[in-house]
Amino acid sequence: MKGAREKKPFEPGLIPPPGSLLDWRDGRHFDHWQDLPCVLCDKPTPLRSHSAEPAHKTCAESWIAANPVEARHGRFASDT
């Protein structure tokens, strides 16, 4: 059972082309309560992807550039 404070994932938008920037303006990307290790670099971050995966925006953008085929599956995407 999910806790009352736990945020549900929200609908992602478009996946930017490699080398482009993600648009993560929605406040749901920011966890005001806890920094967790980034899934890509292991350094603490308050940022979350659309699926609540802890990730720095710059790490996610670099991952998209390095993995353009995998990126099409939508691991990281911009806001709608």
N, C-alpha and C. Protein backbone atom coordinates (compact mmCIF):
# COMPACT_ATOMS: atom_id res chain seq x y z
N MET A 1 0.84 -1.18 0.00
CA MET A 1 0.00 0.00 0.00
C MET A 1 0.89 1.24 0.00
N LYS A 2 0.54 2.24 -0.81
CA LYS A 2 1.33 3.45 -0.92
C LYS A 2 0.98 4.42 0.19
N GLY A 3 2.03 5.12 0.68
CA GLY A 3 1.81 6.12 1.72
C GLY A 3 1.11 7.34 1.17
N ALA A 4 0.51 8.11 2.05
CA ALA A 4 -0.23 9.31 1.64
C ALA A 4 0.70 10.35 1.01
N ARG A 5 1.98 10.40 1.46
CA ARG A 5 2.91 11.39 0.93
C ARG A 5 3.58 10.96 -0.36
N GLU A 6 3.51 9.68 -0.68
CA GLU A 6 4.18 9.18 -1.87
C GLU A 6 3.48 9.72 -3.12
N LYS A 7 4.27 10.29 -4.03
CA LYS A 7 3.71 10.86 -5.24
C LYS A 7 3.56 9.78 -6.31
N LYS A 8 2.47 9.85 -7.04
CA LYS A 8 2.26 8.94 -8.15
C LYS A 8 3.01 9.48 -9.36
N PRO A 9 3.52 8.60 -10.22
CA PRO A 9 4.14 9.06 -11.46
C PRO A 9 3.13 9.84 -12.30
N PHE A 10 3.62 10.75 -13.11
CA PHE A 10 2.72 11.53 -13.96
C PHE A 10 3.09 11.35 -15.42
N GLU A 11 2.18 11.73 -16.29
CA GLU A 11 2.29 11.47 -17.72
C GLU A 11 3.44 12.26 -18.36
N PRO A 12 4.38 11.56 -19.02
CA PRO A 12 5.47 12.25 -19.70
C PRO A 12 5.02 12.81 -21.05
N GLY A 13 5.80 13.73 -21.55
CA GLY A 13 5.54 14.30 -22.87
C GLY A 13 6.49 13.69 -23.89
N LEU A 14 7.04 14.53 -24.75
CA LEU A 14 7.92 14.07 -25.82
C LEU A 14 9.32 13.77 -25.32
N ILE A 15 9.98 12.86 -25.99
CA ILE A 15 11.38 12.56 -25.72
C ILE A 15 12.19 13.48 -26.62
N PRO A 16 13.07 14.31 -26.05
CA PRO A 16 13.83 15.22 -26.89
C PRO A 16 14.87 14.47 -27.72
N PRO A 17 15.23 15.02 -28.88
CA PRO A 17 16.29 14.38 -29.66
C PRO A 17 17.62 14.46 -28.92
N PRO A 18 18.54 13.54 -29.19
CA PRO A 18 19.85 13.58 -28.53
C PRO A 18 20.51 14.96 -28.68
N GLY A 19 21.04 15.47 -27.59
CA GLY A 19 21.68 16.79 -27.60
C GLY A 19 20.75 17.93 -27.24
N SER A 20 19.45 17.65 -27.13
CA SER A 20 18.47 18.68 -26.76
C SER A 20 18.23 18.64 -25.25
N LEU A 21 17.57 19.67 -24.76
CA LEU A 21 17.30 19.78 -23.33
C LEU A 21 15.92 19.25 -22.98
N LEU A 22 15.83 18.65 -21.80
CA LEU A 22 14.55 18.22 -21.26
C LEU A 22 13.82 19.42 -20.65
N ASP A 23 12.52 19.44 -20.75
CA ASP A 23 11.70 20.45 -20.09
C ASP A 23 11.08 19.81 -18.85
N TRP A 24 11.67 20.08 -17.70
CA TRP A 24 11.18 19.55 -16.42
C TRP A 24 10.74 20.70 -15.54
N ARG A 25 9.82 21.53 -16.01
CA ARG A 25 9.36 22.69 -15.24
C ARG A 25 8.31 22.33 -14.20
N ASP A 26 7.63 21.22 -14.39
CA ASP A 26 6.58 20.82 -13.45
C ASP A 26 7.18 20.57 -12.08
N GLY A 27 6.57 21.11 -11.05
CA GLY A 27 7.07 20.98 -9.69
C GLY A 27 7.13 19.56 -9.17
N ARG A 28 6.43 18.65 -9.83
CA ARG A 28 6.45 17.25 -9.39
C ARG A 28 7.79 16.58 -9.64
N HIS A 29 8.67 17.23 -10.40
CA HIS A 29 10.02 16.69 -10.60
C HIS A 29 10.90 16.92 -9.37
N PHE A 30 10.48 17.78 -8.47
CA PHE A 30 11.30 18.14 -7.30
C PHE A 30 10.72 17.54 -6.03
N ASP A 31 11.55 16.78 -5.33
CA ASP A 31 11.15 16.19 -4.05
C ASP A 31 11.66 17.10 -2.94
N HIS A 32 10.76 17.78 -2.28
CA HIS A 32 11.12 18.72 -1.22
C HIS A 32 11.58 18.04 0.05
N TRP A 33 11.39 16.74 0.15
CA TRP A 33 11.64 16.04 1.41
C TRP A 33 12.90 15.20 1.43
N GLN A 34 13.36 14.72 0.27
CA GLN A 34 14.46 13.76 0.31
C GLN A 34 15.30 13.78 -0.95
N ASP A 35 16.62 13.85 -0.77
CA ASP A 35 17.55 13.63 -1.87
C ASP A 35 17.85 12.13 -1.92
N LEU A 36 17.85 11.59 -3.12
CA LEU A 36 18.19 10.19 -3.32
C LEU A 36 19.33 10.11 -4.33
N PRO A 37 20.10 9.01 -4.36
CA PRO A 37 21.18 8.89 -5.34
C PRO A 37 20.63 8.86 -6.77
N CYS A 38 21.23 9.66 -7.63
CA CYS A 38 20.88 9.66 -9.05
C CYS A 38 21.14 8.26 -9.60
N VAL A 39 20.20 7.74 -10.39
CA VAL A 39 20.35 6.40 -10.95
C VAL A 39 21.46 6.33 -11.99
N LEU A 40 21.95 7.49 -12.41
CA LEU A 40 22.98 7.52 -13.45
C LEU A 40 24.37 7.87 -12.92
N CYS A 41 24.46 8.70 -11.87
CA CYS A 41 25.78 9.10 -11.36
C CYS A 41 25.98 8.82 -9.88
N ASP A 42 24.95 8.39 -9.18
CA ASP A 42 24.99 8.06 -7.75
C ASP A 42 25.16 9.25 -6.80
N LYS A 43 25.19 10.48 -7.30
CA LYS A 43 25.26 11.66 -6.43
C LYS A 43 23.83 12.04 -6.02
N PRO A 44 23.65 12.59 -4.82
CA PRO A 44 22.31 12.93 -4.34
C PRO A 44 21.59 13.96 -5.22
N THR A 45 20.30 13.77 -5.38
CA THR A 45 19.49 14.72 -6.15
C THR A 45 18.06 14.75 -5.62
N PRO A 46 17.44 15.94 -5.61
CA PRO A 46 16.03 16.04 -5.27
C PRO A 46 15.13 15.85 -6.50
N LEU A 47 15.74 15.74 -7.69
CA LEU A 47 14.96 15.65 -8.92
C LEU A 47 14.49 14.23 -9.17
N ARG A 48 13.31 14.13 -9.80
CA ARG A 48 12.70 12.84 -10.14
C ARG A 48 12.20 12.88 -11.58
N SER A 49 12.32 11.75 -12.25
CA SER A 49 11.78 11.63 -13.60
C SER A 49 10.26 11.48 -13.50
N HIS A 50 9.61 11.34 -14.63
CA HIS A 50 8.15 11.16 -14.63
C HIS A 50 7.73 9.87 -13.92
N SER A 51 8.61 8.90 -13.89
CA SER A 51 8.30 7.64 -13.22
C SER A 51 8.87 7.59 -11.80
N ALA A 52 9.23 8.78 -11.27
CA ALA A 52 9.74 8.94 -9.91
C ALA A 52 11.15 8.38 -9.72
N GLU A 53 11.87 8.18 -10.80
CA GLU A 53 13.25 7.70 -10.74
C GLU A 53 14.15 8.89 -10.41
N PRO A 54 14.99 8.82 -9.35
CA PRO A 54 15.85 9.94 -9.02
C PRO A 54 16.93 10.13 -10.09
N ALA A 55 16.98 11.32 -10.67
CA ALA A 55 17.96 11.59 -11.73
C ALA A 55 18.15 13.09 -11.88
N HIS A 56 19.42 13.49 -12.03
CA HIS A 56 19.70 14.88 -12.38
C HIS A 56 19.21 15.10 -13.81
N LYS A 57 18.71 16.27 -14.09
CA LYS A 57 18.24 16.59 -15.44
C LYS A 57 19.40 16.49 -16.43
N THR A 58 20.57 16.99 -16.05
CA THR A 58 21.73 16.94 -16.95
C THR A 58 22.19 15.50 -17.18
N CYS A 59 22.10 14.66 -16.16
CA CYS A 59 22.45 13.24 -16.34
C CYS A 59 21.48 12.58 -17.31
N ALA A 60 20.19 12.89 -17.16
CA ALA A 60 19.18 12.32 -18.05
C ALA A 60 19.42 12.77 -19.50
N GLU A 61 19.75 14.05 -19.68
CA GLU A 61 20.03 14.57 -21.03
C GLU A 61 21.25 13.89 -21.63
N SER A 62 22.29 13.68 -20.82
CA SER A 62 23.49 12.98 -21.30
C SER A 62 23.17 11.53 -21.64
N TRP A 63 22.32 10.89 -20.83
CA TRP A 63 21.94 9.51 -21.09
C TRP A 63 21.18 9.40 -22.42
N ILE A 64 20.29 10.34 -22.68
CA ILE A 64 19.54 10.35 -23.94
C ILE A 64 20.51 10.47 -25.12
N ALA A 65 21.51 11.36 -25.00
CA ALA A 65 22.48 11.56 -26.07
C ALA A 65 23.33 10.31 -26.30
N ALA A 66 23.68 9.61 -25.21
CA ALA A 66 24.52 8.41 -25.31
C ALA A 66 23.73 7.16 -25.69
N ASN A 67 22.42 7.17 -25.49
CA ASN A 67 21.57 6.00 -25.73
C ASN A 67 20.34 6.37 -26.56
N PRO A 68 20.52 6.90 -27.77
CA PRO A 68 19.37 7.40 -28.53
C PRO A 68 18.33 6.34 -28.87
N VAL A 69 18.74 5.11 -29.09
CA VAL A 69 17.77 4.06 -29.43
C VAL A 69 16.96 3.69 -28.19
N GLU A 70 17.63 3.45 -27.07
CA GLU A 70 16.95 3.13 -25.81
C GLU A 70 16.07 4.29 -25.34
N ALA A 71 16.50 5.52 -25.62
CA ALA A 71 15.77 6.70 -25.18
C ALA A 71 14.36 6.75 -25.76
N ARG A 72 14.16 6.14 -26.91
CA ARG A 72 12.84 6.14 -27.54
C ARG A 72 11.81 5.37 -26.72
N HIS A 73 12.24 4.56 -25.76
CA HIS A 73 11.32 3.84 -24.90
C HIS A 73 10.75 4.73 -23.80
N GLY A 74 11.29 5.95 -23.67
CA GLY A 74 10.69 6.92 -22.76
C GLY A 74 11.15 6.92 -21.32
N ARG A 75 12.35 6.40 -21.06
CA ARG A 75 12.84 6.43 -19.68
C ARG A 75 12.85 7.86 -19.14
N PHE A 76 13.33 8.80 -19.95
CA PHE A 76 13.32 10.22 -19.59
C PHE A 76 12.64 10.99 -20.70
N ALA A 77 11.73 11.89 -20.32
CA ALA A 77 10.98 12.67 -21.30
C ALA A 77 10.71 14.06 -20.75
N SER A 78 10.32 14.95 -21.64
CA SER A 78 9.94 16.31 -21.25
C SER A 78 8.52 16.30 -20.70
N ASP A 79 8.15 17.41 -20.08
CA ASP A 79 6.77 17.58 -19.62
C ASP A 79 5.86 17.76 -20.83
N THR A 80 4.57 17.46 -20.62
CA THR A 80 3.59 17.64 -21.72
C THR A 80 3.29 19.10 -21.91
